[in-house]
Amino acid sequence: MSGRARHRRPLESFADRLPDAVDHEMRTAVLLAWEEIPPDLRARIAIARPRVDWQGYDDARRLVAEHLVVRIRELVECSRRGSAARGGHG
């Protein structure tokens, strides 16, 4: 799908509402997962998608997305079981 065909949502922030504990925990989870990504992999996706030899760029984006999903899922599952599920501090 081309960039023109893809609907792009504007960046959203907490400016229009008061963030709660879940917002803060999710933001922390995403930031921690993002920091675990190697700098060279982040650099590969920071550039614009090349017109030729784009396979490496797409692979890097896929790896980053998969890493973020896995790490956030681990954090969510961790908070759903154990003492956090019983109202404790996880």
PDB file of N, CA and C in Angstrom:
ATOM      1  N   MET A   1       0.845  -1.166   0.000  1.00  0.00           N
ATOM      2  CA  MET A   1       0.000   0.000   0.000  1.00  0.00           C
ATOM      3  C   MET A   1       0.896   1.235   0.000  1.00  0.00           C
ATOM      4  N   SER A   2       0.595   2.149  -0.860  1.00  0.00           N
ATOM      5  CA  SER A   2       1.432   3.336  -0.958  1.00  0.00           C
ATOM      6  C   SER A   2       1.161   4.288   0.200  1.00  0.00           C
ATOM      7  N   GLY A   3       2.092   5.191   0.411  1.00  0.00           N
ATOM      8  CA  GLY A   3       1.954   6.164   1.482  1.00  0.00           C
ATOM      9  C   GLY A   3       0.753   7.077   1.288  1.00  0.00           C
ATOM     10  N   ARG A   4       0.426   7.350   0.041  1.00  0.00           N
ATOM     11  CA  ARG A   4      -0.722   8.215  -0.220  1.00  0.00           C
ATOM     12  C   ARG A   4      -2.045   7.524   0.091  1.00  0.00           C
ATOM     13  N   ALA A   5      -2.094   6.217  -0.093  1.00  0.00           N
ATOM     14  CA  ALA A   5      -3.335   5.481   0.127  1.00  0.00           C
ATOM     15  C   ALA A   5      -3.576   5.203   1.607  1.00  0.00           C
ATOM     16  N   ARG A   6      -2.539   5.229   2.396  1.00  0.00           N
ATOM     17  CA  ARG A   6      -2.657   4.894   3.814  1.00  0.00           C
ATOM     18  C   ARG A   6      -3.171   6.089   4.606  1.00  0.00           C
ATOM     19  N   HIS A   7      -4.196   5.849   5.403  1.00  0.00           N
ATOM     20  CA  HIS A   7      -4.724   6.910   6.266  1.00  0.00           C
ATOM     21  C   HIS A   7      -3.756   7.131   7.415  1.00  0.00           C
ATOM     22  N   ARG A   8      -3.350   8.339   7.618  1.00  0.00           N
ATOM     23  CA  ARG A   8      -2.421   8.656   8.701  1.00  0.00           C
ATOM     24  C   ARG A   8      -3.153   9.457   9.763  1.00  0.00           C
ATOM     25  N   ARG A   9      -3.088   8.946  10.981  1.00  0.00           N
ATOM     26  CA  ARG A   9      -3.690   9.654  12.104  1.00  0.00           C
ATOM     27  C   ARG A   9      -2.691  10.657  12.650  1.00  0.00           C
ATOM     28  N   PRO A  10      -3.179  11.803  13.089  1.00  0.00           N
ATOM     29  CA  PRO A  10      -2.260  12.769  13.702  1.00  0.00           C
ATOM     30  C   PRO A  10      -1.766  12.240  15.044  1.00  0.00           C
ATOM     31  N   LEU A  11      -0.605  12.705  15.461  1.00  0.00           N
ATOM     32  CA  LEU A  11      -0.088  12.320  16.770  1.00  0.00           C
ATOM     33  C   LEU A  11      -1.012  12.851  17.850  1.00  0.00           C
ATOM     34  N   GLU A  12      -1.282  12.002  18.808  1.00  0.00           N
ATOM     35  CA  GLU A  12      -2.157  12.409  19.900  1.00  0.00           C
ATOM     36  C   GLU A  12      -1.352  12.490  21.182  1.00  0.00           C
ATOM     37  N   SER A  13      -1.837  13.274  22.117  1.00  0.00           N
ATOM     38  CA  SER A  13      -1.148  13.420  23.396  1.00  0.00           C
ATOM     39  C   SER A  13      -2.185  13.479  24.508  1.00  0.00           C
ATOM     40  N   PHE A  14      -1.707  13.674  25.715  1.00  0.00           N
ATOM     41  CA  PHE A  14      -2.589  13.768  26.866  1.00  0.00           C
ATOM     42  C   PHE A  14      -3.102  15.192  27.069  1.00  0.00           C
ATOM     43  N   ALA A  15      -2.901  16.063  26.105  1.00  0.00           N
ATOM     44  CA  ALA A  15      -3.269  17.466  26.270  1.00  0.00           C
ATOM     45  C   ALA A  15      -4.773  17.656  26.455  1.00  0.00           C
ATOM     46  N   ASP A  16      -5.580  16.796  25.834  1.00  0.00           N
ATOM     47  CA  ASP A  16      -7.026  16.990  25.894  1.00  0.00           C
ATOM     48  C   ASP A  16      -7.703  16.213  27.022  1.00  0.00           C
ATOM     49  N   ARG A  17      -6.935  15.447  27.805  1.00  0.00           N
ATOM     50  CA  ARG A  17      -7.537  14.704  28.915  1.00  0.00           C
ATOM     51  C   ARG A  17      -6.492  14.460  29.993  1.00  0.00           C
ATOM     52  N   LEU A  18      -6.962  14.098  31.157  1.00  0.00           N
ATOM     53  CA  LEU A  18      -6.087  13.830  32.286  1.00  0.00           C
ATOM     54  C   LEU A  18      -5.631  12.375  32.233  1.00  0.00           C
ATOM     55  N   PRO A  19      -4.332  12.110  32.106  1.00  0.00           N
ATOM     56  CA  PRO A  19      -3.865  10.719  32.027  1.00  0.00           C
ATOM     57  C   PRO A  19      -4.043  10.003  33.363  1.00  0.00           C
ATOM     58  N   ASP A  20      -4.381   8.720  33.274  1.00  0.00           N
ATOM     59  CA  ASP A  20      -4.530   7.924  34.491  1.00  0.00           C
ATOM     60  C   ASP A  20      -3.341   6.980  34.629  1.00  0.00           C
ATOM     61  N   ALA A  21      -3.398   6.095  35.599  1.00  0.00           N
ATOM     62  CA  ALA A  21      -2.284   5.176  35.866  1.00  0.00           C
ATOM     63  C   ALA A  21      -2.023   4.246  34.691  1.00  0.00           C
ATOM     64  N   VAL A  22      -3.091   3.804  34.013  1.00  0.00           N
ATOM     65  CA  VAL A  22      -2.914   2.910  32.859  1.00  0.00           C
ATOM     66  C   VAL A  22      -2.164   3.629  31.751  1.00  0.00           C
ATOM     67  N   ASP A  23      -2.499   4.886  31.506  1.00  0.00           N
ATOM     68  CA  ASP A  23      -1.785   5.668  30.494  1.00  0.00           C
ATOM     69  C   ASP A  23      -0.297   5.750  30.816  1.00  0.00           C
ATOM     70  N   HIS A  24       0.017   6.028  32.062  1.00  0.00           N
ATOM     71  CA  HIS A  24       1.420   6.144  32.466  1.00  0.00           C
ATOM     72  C   HIS A  24       2.141   4.801  32.349  1.00  0.00           C
ATOM     73  N   GLU A  25       1.482   3.714  32.737  1.00  0.00           N
ATOM     74  CA  GLU A  25       2.107   2.395  32.643  1.00  0.00           C
ATOM     75  C   GLU A  25       2.338   1.991  31.193  1.00  0.00           C
ATOM     76  N   MET A  26       1.361   2.265  30.331  1.00  0.00           N
ATOM     77  CA  MET A  26       1.523   1.914  28.916  1.00  0.00           C
ATOM     78  C   MET A  26       2.625   2.751  28.276  1.00  0.00           C
ATOM     79  N   ARG A  27       2.668   4.039  28.602  1.00  0.00           N
ATOM     80  CA  ARG A  27       3.723   4.896  28.053  1.00  0.00           C
ATOM     81  C   ARG A  27       5.091   4.393  28.493  1.00  0.00           C
ATOM     82  N   THR A  28       5.214   4.018  29.759  1.00  0.00           N
ATOM     83  CA  THR A  28       6.476   3.484  30.263  1.00  0.00           C
ATOM     84  C   THR A  28       6.833   2.185  29.561  1.00  0.00           C
ATOM     85  N   ALA A  29       5.854   1.306  29.347  1.00  0.00           N
ATOM     86  CA  ALA A  29       6.103   0.030  28.671  1.00  0.00           C
ATOM     87  C   ALA A  29       6.608   0.251  27.253  1.00  0.00           C
ATOM     88  N   VAL A  30       5.984   1.173  26.542  1.00  0.00           N
ATOM     89  CA  VAL A  30       6.408   1.451  25.164  1.00  0.00           C
ATOM     90  C   VAL A  30       7.808   2.054  25.149  1.00  0.00           C
ATOM     91  N   LEU A  31       8.084   2.996  26.046  1.00  0.00           N
ATOM     92  CA  LEU A  31       9.411   3.618  26.089  1.00  0.00           C
ATOM     93  C   LEU A  31      10.500   2.603  26.428  1.00  0.00           C
ATOM     94  N   LEU A  32      10.225   1.721  27.388  1.00  0.00           N
ATOM     95  CA  LEU A  32      11.210   0.697  27.737  1.00  0.00           C
ATOM     96  C   LEU A  32      11.451  -0.255  26.572  1.00  0.00           C
ATOM     97  N   ALA A  33      10.376  -0.675  25.912  1.00  0.00           N
ATOM     98  CA  ALA A  33      10.520  -1.574  24.764  1.00  0.00           C
ATOM     99  C   ALA A  33      11.272  -0.884  23.630  1.00  0.00           C
ATOM    100  N   TRP A  34      11.000   0.397  23.408  1.00  0.00           N
ATOM    101  CA  TRP A  34      11.682   1.141  22.344  1.00  0.00           C
ATOM    102  C   TRP A  34      13.175   1.270  22.644  1.00  0.00           C
ATOM    103  N   GLU A  35      13.530   1.496  23.904  1.00  0.00           N
ATOM    104  CA  GLU A  35      14.933   1.643  24.280  1.00  0.00           C
ATOM    105  C   GLU A  35      15.715   0.341  24.120  1.00  0.00           C
ATOM    106  N   GLU A  36      15.037  -0.802  24.132  1.00  0.00           N
ATOM    107  CA  GLU A  36      15.711  -2.088  23.965  1.00  0.00           C
ATOM    108  C   GLU A  36      16.083  -2.371  22.516  1.00  0.00           C
ATOM    109  N   ILE A  37      15.527  -1.615  21.584  1.00  0.00           N
ATOM    110  CA  ILE A  37      15.812  -1.828  20.162  1.00  0.00           C
ATOM    111  C   ILE A  37      17.214  -1.309  19.875  1.00  0.00           C
ATOM    112  N   PRO A  38      18.048  -2.120  19.216  1.00  0.00           N
ATOM    113  CA  PRO A  38      19.415  -1.686  18.921  1.00  0.00           C
ATOM    114  C   PRO A  38      19.437  -0.404  18.080  1.00  0.00           C
ATOM    115  N   PRO A  39      20.387   0.485  18.347  1.00  0.00           N
ATOM    116  CA  PRO A  39      20.454   1.757  17.613  1.00  0.00           C
ATOM    117  C   PRO A  39      20.576   1.590  16.098  1.00  0.00           C
ATOM    118  N   ASP A  40      21.298   0.567  15.643  1.00  0.00           N
ATOM    119  CA  ASP A  40      21.437   0.394  14.195  1.00  0.00           C
ATOM    120  C   ASP A  40      20.102   0.031  13.553  1.00  0.00           C
ATOM    121  N   LEU A  41      19.266  -0.719  14.259  1.00  0.00           N
ATOM    122  CA  LEU A  41      17.950  -1.068  13.731  1.00  0.00           C
ATOM    123  C   LEU A  41      17.044   0.165  13.708  1.00  0.00           C
ATOM    124  N   ARG A  42      17.125   0.996  14.746  1.00  0.00           N
ATOM    125  CA  ARG A  42      16.354   2.246  14.752  1.00  0.00           C
ATOM    126  C   ARG A  42      16.811   3.166  13.629  1.00  0.00           C
ATOM    127  N   ALA A  43      18.103   3.178  13.359  1.00  0.00           N
ATOM    128  CA  ALA A  43      18.625   4.023  12.283  1.00  0.00           C
ATOM    129  C   ALA A  43      18.125   3.545  10.924  1.00  0.00           C
ATOM    130  N   ARG A  44      17.972   2.222  10.768  1.00  0.00           N
ATOM    131  CA  ARG A  44      17.488   1.686   9.490  1.00  0.00           C
ATOM    132  C   ARG A  44      16.058   2.102   9.199  1.00  0.00           C
ATOM    133  N   ILE A  45      15.237   2.271  10.223  1.00  0.00           N
ATOM    134  CA  ILE A  45      13.857   2.674   9.962  1.00  0.00           C
ATOM    135  C   ILE A  45      13.673   4.183  10.039  1.00  0.00           C
ATOM    136  N   ALA A  46      14.682   4.904  10.510  1.00  0.00           N
ATOM    137  CA  ALA A  46      14.576   6.361  10.612  1.00  0.00           C
ATOM    138  C   ALA A  46      14.680   7.028   9.249  1.00  0.00           C
ATOM    139  N   ILE A  47      15.338   6.384   8.326  1.00  0.00           N
ATOM    140  CA  ILE A  47      15.471   6.952   6.988  1.00  0.00           C
ATOM    141  C   ILE A  47      14.193   6.688   6.200  1.00  0.00           C
ATOM    142  N   ALA A  48      14.007   7.419   5.145  1.00  0.00           N
ATOM    143  CA  ALA A  48      12.852   7.195   4.284  1.00  0.00           C
ATOM    144  C   ALA A  48      13.011   5.862   3.557  1.00  0.00           C
ATOM    145  N   ARG A  49      11.898   5.252   3.217  1.00  0.00           N
ATOM    146  CA  ARG A  49      11.935   3.963   2.519  1.00  0.00           C
ATOM    147  C   ARG A  49      12.560   4.164   1.140  1.00  0.00           C
ATOM    148  N   PRO A  50      13.649   3.460   0.875  1.00  0.00           N
ATOM    149  CA  PRO A  50      14.322   3.640  -0.412  1.00  0.00           C
ATOM    150  C   PRO A  50      13.481   3.100  -1.565  1.00  0.00           C
ATOM    151  N   ARG A  51      13.674   3.684  -2.731  1.00  0.00           N
ATOM    152  CA  ARG A  51      12.933   3.224  -3.914  1.00  0.00           C
ATOM    153  C   ARG A  51      13.434   1.872  -4.395  1.00  0.00           C
ATOM    154  N   VAL A  52      14.698   1.599  -4.192  1.00  0.00           N
ATOM    155  CA  VAL A  52      15.265   0.296  -4.539  1.00  0.00           C
ATOM    156  C   VAL A  52      15.855  -0.308  -3.281  1.00  0.00           C
ATOM    157  N   ASP A  53      15.947  -1.601  -3.250  1.00  0.00           N
ATOM    158  CA  ASP A  53      16.492  -2.336  -2.108  1.00  0.00           C
ATOM    159  C   ASP A  53      15.758  -1.972  -0.816  1.00  0.00           C
ATOM    160  N   TRP A  54      14.434  -2.065  -0.865  1.00  0.00           N
ATOM    161  CA  TRP A  54      13.619  -1.697   0.281  1.00  0.00           C
ATOM    162  C   TRP A  54      13.355  -2.869   1.211  1.00  0.00           C
ATOM    163  N   GLN A  55      13.810  -4.062   0.849  1.00  0.00           N
ATOM    164  CA  GLN A  55      13.530  -5.243   1.665  1.00  0.00           C
ATOM    165  C   GLN A  55      14.115  -5.107   3.077  1.00  0.00           C
ATOM    166  N   GLY A  56      15.333  -4.603   3.190  1.00  0.00           N
ATOM    167  CA  GLY A  56      15.953  -4.426   4.501  1.00  0.00           C
ATOM    168  C   GLY A  56      15.188  -3.437   5.370  1.00  0.00           C
ATOM    169  N   TYR A  57      14.685  -2.385   4.750  1.00  0.00           N
ATOM    170  CA  TYR A  57      13.896  -1.384   5.474  1.00  0.00           C
ATOM    171  C   TYR A  57      12.609  -2.002   6.018  1.00  0.00           C
ATOM    172  N   ASP A  58      11.903  -2.739   5.161  1.00  0.00           N
ATOM    173  CA  ASP A  58      10.661  -3.378   5.593  1.00  0.00           C
ATOM    174  C   ASP A  58      10.914  -4.440   6.655  1.00  0.00           C
ATOM    175  N   ASP A  59      12.004  -5.183   6.522  1.00  0.00           N
ATOM    176  CA  ASP A  59      12.354  -6.185   7.535  1.00  0.00           C
ATOM    177  C   ASP A  59      12.642  -5.520   8.878  1.00  0.00           C
ATOM    178  N   ALA A  60      13.337  -4.394   8.847  1.00  0.00           N
ATOM    179  CA  ALA A  60      13.651  -3.681  10.087  1.00  0.00           C
ATOM    180  C   ALA A  60      12.380  -3.173  10.759  1.00  0.00           C
ATOM    181  N   ARG A  61      11.456  -2.635   9.983  1.00  0.00           N
ATOM    182  CA  ARG A  61      10.188  -2.169  10.557  1.00  0.00           C
ATOM    183  C   ARG A  61       9.403  -3.320  11.164  1.00  0.00           C
ATOM    184  N   ARG A  62       9.399  -4.464  10.497  1.00  0.00           N
ATOM    185  CA  ARG A  62       8.692  -5.632  11.013  1.00  0.00           C
ATOM    186  C   ARG A  62       9.315  -6.097  12.322  1.00  0.00           C
ATOM    187  N   LEU A  63      10.651  -6.146  12.374  1.00  0.00           N
ATOM    188  CA  LEU A  63      11.335  -6.560  13.599  1.00  0.00           C
ATOM    189  C   LEU A  63      11.033  -5.618  14.761  1.00  0.00           C
ATOM    190  N   VAL A  64      11.029  -4.328  14.497  1.00  0.00           N
ATOM    191  CA  VAL A  64      10.735  -3.357  15.548  1.00  0.00           C
ATOM    192  C   VAL A  64       9.301  -3.532  16.040  1.00  0.00           C
ATOM    193  N   ALA A  65       8.360  -3.670  15.115  1.00  0.00           N
ATOM    194  CA  ALA A  65       6.958  -3.841  15.507  1.00  0.00           C
ATOM    195  C   ALA A  65       6.763  -5.118  16.316  1.00  0.00           C
ATOM    196  N   GLU A  66       7.386  -6.211  15.881  1.00  0.00           N
ATOM    197  CA  GLU A  66       7.256  -7.472  16.612  1.00  0.00           C
ATOM    198  C   GLU A  66       7.850  -7.356  18.013  1.00  0.00           C
ATOM    199  N   HIS A  67       8.990  -6.696  18.124  1.00  0.00           N
ATOM    200  CA  HIS A  67       9.615  -6.535  19.437  1.00  0.00           C
ATOM    201  C   HIS A  67       8.705  -5.736  20.376  1.00  0.00           C
ATOM    202  N   LEU A  68       8.142  -4.640  19.870  1.00  0.00           N
ATOM    203  CA  LEU A  68       7.262  -3.829  20.703  1.00  0.00           C
ATOM    204  C   LEU A  68       6.048  -4.625  21.161  1.00  0.00           C
ATOM    205  N   VAL A  69       5.457  -5.398  20.259  1.00  0.00           N
ATOM    206  CA  VAL A  69       4.284  -6.198  20.618  1.00  0.00           C
ATOM    207  C   VAL A  69       4.637  -7.234  21.676  1.00  0.00           C
ATOM    208  N   VAL A  70       5.744  -7.941  21.488  1.00  0.00           N
ATOM    209  CA  VAL A  70       6.142  -8.984  22.439  1.00  0.00           C
ATOM    210  C   VAL A  70       6.413  -8.391  23.814  1.00  0.00           C
ATOM    211  N   ARG A  71       7.166  -7.307  23.878  1.00  0.00           N
ATOM    212  CA  ARG A  71       7.513  -6.715  25.170  1.00  0.00           C
ATOM    213  C   ARG A  71       6.293  -6.135  25.881  1.00  0.00           C
ATOM    214  N   ILE A  72       5.417  -5.466  25.150  1.00  0.00           N
ATOM    215  CA  ILE A  72       4.223  -4.901  25.772  1.00  0.00           C
ATOM    216  C   ILE A  72       3.302  -6.020  26.241  1.00  0.00           C
ATOM    217  N   ARG A  73       3.174  -7.079  25.442  1.00  0.00           N
ATOM    218  CA  ARG A  73       2.353  -8.220  25.860  1.00  0.00           C
ATOM    219  C   ARG A  73       2.918  -8.845  27.135  1.00  0.00           C
ATOM    220  N   GLU A  74       4.239  -8.979  27.223  1.00  0.00           N
ATOM    221  CA  GLU A  74       4.850  -9.530  28.438  1.00  0.00           C
ATOM    222  C   GLU A  74       4.527  -8.666  29.651  1.00  0.00           C
ATOM    223  N   LEU A  75       4.620  -7.357  29.497  1.00  0.00           N
ATOM    224  CA  LEU A  75       4.332  -6.460  30.611  1.00  0.00           C
ATOM    225  C   LEU A  75       2.861  -6.510  31.012  1.00  0.00           C
ATOM    226  N   VAL A  76       1.971  -6.600  30.034  1.00  0.00           N
ATOM    227  CA  VAL A  76       0.544  -6.671  30.335  1.00  0.00           C
ATOM    228  C   VAL A  76       0.218  -7.981  31.032  1.00  0.00           C
ATOM    229  N   GLU A  77       0.757  -9.100  30.535  1.00  0.00           N
ATOM    230  CA  GLU A  77       0.499 -10.395  31.162  1.00  0.00           C
ATOM    231  C   GLU A  77       1.065 -10.439  32.573  1.00  0.00           C
ATOM    232  N   CYS A  78       2.207  -9.826  32.783  1.00  0.00           N
ATOM    233  CA  CYS A  78       2.810  -9.789  34.115  1.00  0.00           C
ATOM    234  C   CYS A  78       1.917  -9.027  35.087  1.00  0.00           C
ATOM    235  N   SER A  79       1.311  -7.949  34.637  1.00  0.00           N
ATOM    236  CA  SER A  79       0.464  -7.159  35.534  1.00  0.00           C
ATOM    237  C   SER A  79      -0.887  -7.812  35.766  1.00  0.00           C
ATOM    238  N   ARG A  80      -1.282  -8.759  34.917  1.00  0.00           N
ATOM    239  CA  ARG A  80      -2.580  -9.414  35.079  1.00  0.00           C
ATOM    240  C   ARG A  80      -2.534 -10.613  36.007  1.00  0.00           C
ATOM    241  N   ARG A  81      -1.361 -11.110  36.319  1.00  0.00           N
ATOM    242  CA  ARG A  81      -1.297 -12.271  37.206  1.00  0.00           C
ATOM    243  C   ARG A  81      -0.509 -11.908  38.456  1.00  0.00           C
ATOM    244  N   GLY A  82      -0.505 -12.771  39.391  1.00  0.00           N
ATOM    245  CA  GLY A  82       0.235 -12.523  40.620  1.00  0.00           C
ATOM    246  C   GLY A  82      -0.461 -11.517  41.506  1.00  0.00           C
ATOM    247  N   SER A  83       0.324 -10.806  42.277  1.00  0.00           N
ATOM    248  CA  SER A  83      -0.264  -9.882  43.249  1.00  0.00           C
ATOM    249  C   SER A  83      -0.950  -8.700  42.584  1.00  0.00           C
ATOM    250  N   ALA A  84      -0.532  -8.341  41.356  1.00  0.00           N
ATOM    251  CA  ALA A  84      -1.191  -7.230  40.670  1.00  0.00           C
ATOM    252  C   ALA A  84      -2.641  -7.578  40.358  1.00  0.00           C
ATOM    253  N   ALA A  85      -2.899  -8.831  40.011  1.00  0.00           N
ATOM    254  CA  ALA A  85      -4.265  -9.254  39.721  1.00  0.00           C
ATOM    255  C   ALA A  85      -5.126  -9.233  40.975  1.00  0.00           C
ATOM    256  N   ARG A  86      -4.497  -9.347  42.124  1.00  0.00           N
ATOM    257  CA  ARG A  86      -5.232  -9.334  43.391  1.00  0.00           C
ATOM    258  C   ARG A  86      -5.251  -7.941  44.019  1.00  0.00           C
ATOM    259  N   GLY A  87      -4.794  -6.945  43.286  1.00  0.00           N
ATOM    260  CA  GLY A  87      -4.834  -5.580  43.793  1.00  0.00           C
ATOM    261  C   GLY A  87      -3.552  -5.115  44.442  1.00  0.00           C
ATOM    262  N   GLY A  88      -2.506  -5.933  44.377  1.00  0.00           N
ATOM    263  CA  GLY A  88      -1.228  -5.556  44.974  1.00  0.00           C
ATOM    264  C   GLY A  88      -0.381  -4.742  44.024  1.00  0.00           C
ATOM    265  N   HIS A  89       0.899  -4.704  44.288  1.00  0.00           N
ATOM    266  CA  HIS A  89       1.812  -3.891  43.488  1.00  0.00           C
ATOM    267  C   HIS A  89       2.603  -4.697  42.481  1.00  0.00           C
ATOM    268  N   GLY A  90       2.145  -5.870  42.078  1.00  0.00           N
ATOM    269  CA  GLY A  90       2.784  -6.670  41.036  1.00  0.00           C
ATOM    270  C   GLY A  90       4.139  -7.085  41.394  1.00  0.00           C
TER     271      GLY A  90
END
